[in-house]
Amino acid sequence: MQQVSSQDASTPVLAALVGDECSWCAAGTLAREEFKGDAAVVCEECGTPAARVW
């Protein structure tokens, strides 16, 4: 998982990953969601976070 700690970078970093294929499952695509209370991009199929900003 890619981790970014800068709050200023959250929107461009996450937006750049939305719609990409999931690296962990065969059928999923990445979407903006909250993961453990933080902004993230998460696979819609398997729920694995690809990037999380806190």
N, C-alpha and C. Protein backbone atom coordinates (compact mmCIF):
# COMPACT_ATOMS: atom_id res chain seq x y z
N MET A 1 0.84 -1.16 0.00
CA MET A 1 0.00 0.00 0.00
C MET A 1 0.89 1.23 0.00
N GLN A 2 0.53 2.19 -0.80
CA GLN A 2 1.22 3.47 -0.83
C GLN A 2 0.67 4.35 0.29
N GLN A 3 1.54 4.98 1.08
CA GLN A 3 1.10 5.83 2.17
C GLN A 3 1.60 7.25 1.95
N VAL A 4 0.73 8.23 2.16
CA VAL A 4 1.06 9.63 2.03
C VAL A 4 0.59 10.34 3.28
N SER A 5 1.47 11.10 3.93
CA SER A 5 1.08 11.74 5.17
C SER A 5 0.74 13.22 5.03
N SER A 6 0.97 13.82 3.90
CA SER A 6 0.69 15.24 3.71
C SER A 6 -0.79 15.46 3.42
N GLN A 7 -1.45 16.29 4.23
CA GLN A 7 -2.86 16.58 4.00
C GLN A 7 -3.06 17.33 2.70
N ASP A 8 -2.10 18.16 2.30
CA ASP A 8 -2.22 18.92 1.06
C ASP A 8 -2.22 18.03 -0.17
N ALA A 9 -1.62 16.87 -0.08
CA ALA A 9 -1.51 15.99 -1.24
C ALA A 9 -2.68 15.03 -1.38
N SER A 10 -3.60 15.01 -0.44
CA SER A 10 -4.63 13.99 -0.42
C SER A 10 -5.51 13.97 -1.66
N THR A 11 -5.99 15.10 -2.10
CA THR A 11 -6.91 15.12 -3.24
C THR A 11 -6.24 14.66 -4.53
N PRO A 12 -5.10 15.23 -4.95
CA PRO A 12 -4.50 14.77 -6.21
C PRO A 12 -4.02 13.32 -6.18
N VAL A 13 -3.47 12.91 -5.06
CA VAL A 13 -2.95 11.54 -4.96
C VAL A 13 -4.09 10.53 -5.07
N LEU A 14 -5.14 10.74 -4.31
CA LEU A 14 -6.26 9.81 -4.35
C LEU A 14 -7.00 9.89 -5.67
N ALA A 15 -7.21 11.09 -6.18
CA ALA A 15 -7.93 11.26 -7.44
C ALA A 15 -7.20 10.57 -8.59
N ALA A 16 -5.88 10.56 -8.56
CA ALA A 16 -5.10 9.93 -9.63
C ALA A 16 -5.29 8.41 -9.66
N LEU A 17 -5.65 7.81 -8.54
CA LEU A 17 -5.80 6.35 -8.47
C LEU A 17 -7.23 5.85 -8.72
N VAL A 18 -8.20 6.74 -8.62
CA VAL A 18 -9.60 6.34 -8.80
C VAL A 18 -9.80 5.75 -10.20
N GLY A 19 -10.44 4.60 -10.26
CA GLY A 19 -10.71 3.93 -11.53
C GLY A 19 -9.65 2.94 -11.96
N ASP A 20 -8.48 2.95 -11.29
CA ASP A 20 -7.43 1.98 -11.62
C ASP A 20 -7.87 0.59 -11.20
N GLU A 21 -7.24 -0.43 -11.80
CA GLU A 21 -7.51 -1.81 -11.42
C GLU A 21 -6.85 -2.12 -10.09
N CYS A 22 -7.48 -2.97 -9.31
CA CYS A 22 -6.93 -3.40 -8.02
C CYS A 22 -5.72 -4.30 -8.25
N SER A 23 -4.68 -4.11 -7.45
CA SER A 23 -3.48 -4.94 -7.54
C SER A 23 -3.62 -6.26 -6.77
N TRP A 24 -4.67 -6.38 -5.95
CA TRP A 24 -4.81 -7.54 -5.08
C TRP A 24 -5.87 -8.53 -5.53
N CYS A 25 -6.81 -8.12 -6.37
CA CYS A 25 -7.83 -9.06 -6.84
C CYS A 25 -8.02 -8.88 -8.35
N ALA A 26 -8.65 -9.83 -8.97
CA ALA A 26 -8.77 -9.82 -10.43
C ALA A 26 -9.90 -8.94 -10.96
N ALA A 27 -10.91 -8.66 -10.14
CA ALA A 27 -12.11 -8.02 -10.67
C ALA A 27 -12.34 -6.59 -10.19
N GLY A 28 -11.57 -6.11 -9.24
CA GLY A 28 -11.89 -4.84 -8.60
C GLY A 28 -11.31 -3.61 -9.25
N THR A 29 -11.97 -2.47 -8.99
CA THR A 29 -11.46 -1.17 -9.38
C THR A 29 -11.43 -0.29 -8.13
N LEU A 30 -10.59 0.73 -8.17
CA LEU A 30 -10.40 1.59 -7.01
C LEU A 30 -11.38 2.75 -6.99
N ALA A 31 -11.87 3.07 -5.81
CA ALA A 31 -12.84 4.16 -5.63
C ALA A 31 -12.51 4.91 -4.34
N ARG A 32 -12.87 6.20 -4.29
CA ARG A 32 -12.67 7.01 -3.08
C ARG A 32 -13.61 6.51 -1.99
N GLU A 33 -13.05 6.23 -0.83
CA GLU A 33 -13.82 5.80 0.33
C GLU A 33 -13.07 6.21 1.58
N GLU A 34 -13.68 6.02 2.70
CA GLU A 34 -13.02 6.21 3.98
C GLU A 34 -12.51 4.85 4.44
N PHE A 35 -11.29 4.81 4.97
CA PHE A 35 -10.72 3.56 5.48
C PHE A 35 -10.18 3.83 6.88
N LYS A 36 -10.77 3.20 7.86
CA LYS A 36 -10.40 3.38 9.27
C LYS A 36 -10.38 4.86 9.65
N GLY A 37 -11.36 5.62 9.14
CA GLY A 37 -11.50 7.01 9.50
C GLY A 37 -10.68 7.99 8.67
N ASP A 38 -9.93 7.49 7.69
CA ASP A 38 -9.08 8.35 6.87
C ASP A 38 -9.53 8.33 5.41
N ALA A 39 -9.22 9.39 4.67
CA ALA A 39 -9.48 9.43 3.23
C ALA A 39 -8.63 8.35 2.56
N ALA A 40 -9.21 7.64 1.61
CA ALA A 40 -8.48 6.54 0.98
C ALA A 40 -9.05 6.23 -0.40
N VAL A 41 -8.32 5.39 -1.12
CA VAL A 41 -8.79 4.78 -2.37
C VAL A 41 -8.79 3.29 -2.08
N VAL A 42 -9.97 2.67 -2.20
CA VAL A 42 -10.17 1.29 -1.78
C VAL A 42 -10.78 0.50 -2.93
N CYS A 43 -10.40 -0.78 -3.04
CA CYS A 43 -10.99 -1.65 -4.06
C CYS A 43 -12.46 -1.89 -3.74
N GLU A 44 -13.32 -1.71 -4.74
CA GLU A 44 -14.76 -1.91 -4.55
C GLU A 44 -15.11 -3.39 -4.38
N GLU A 45 -14.28 -4.29 -4.87
CA GLU A 45 -14.55 -5.73 -4.77
C GLU A 45 -14.04 -6.34 -3.47
N CYS A 46 -12.74 -6.17 -3.20
CA CYS A 46 -12.13 -6.86 -2.06
C CYS A 46 -11.94 -5.98 -0.83
N GLY A 47 -12.10 -4.66 -0.97
CA GLY A 47 -11.99 -3.76 0.17
C GLY A 47 -10.57 -3.41 0.58
N THR A 48 -9.58 -3.82 -0.20
CA THR A 48 -8.19 -3.52 0.12
C THR A 48 -7.86 -2.07 -0.23
N PRO A 49 -7.25 -1.32 0.70
CA PRO A 49 -6.87 0.05 0.39
C PRO A 49 -5.61 0.09 -0.48
N ALA A 50 -5.62 0.95 -1.49
CA ALA A 50 -4.44 1.14 -2.33
C ALA A 50 -3.63 2.33 -1.86
N ALA A 51 -4.31 3.33 -1.30
CA ALA A 51 -3.65 4.51 -0.73
C ALA A 51 -4.54 5.07 0.36
N ARG A 52 -3.88 5.60 1.38
CA ARG A 52 -4.61 6.15 2.53
C ARG A 52 -3.90 7.41 2.99
N VAL A 53 -4.65 8.46 3.25
CA VAL A 53 -4.07 9.73 3.69
C VAL A 53 -4.61 10.06 5.06
N TRP A 54 -3.71 10.32 6.00
CA TRP A 54 -4.16 10.68 7.34
C TRP A 54 -3.44 11.89 7.84
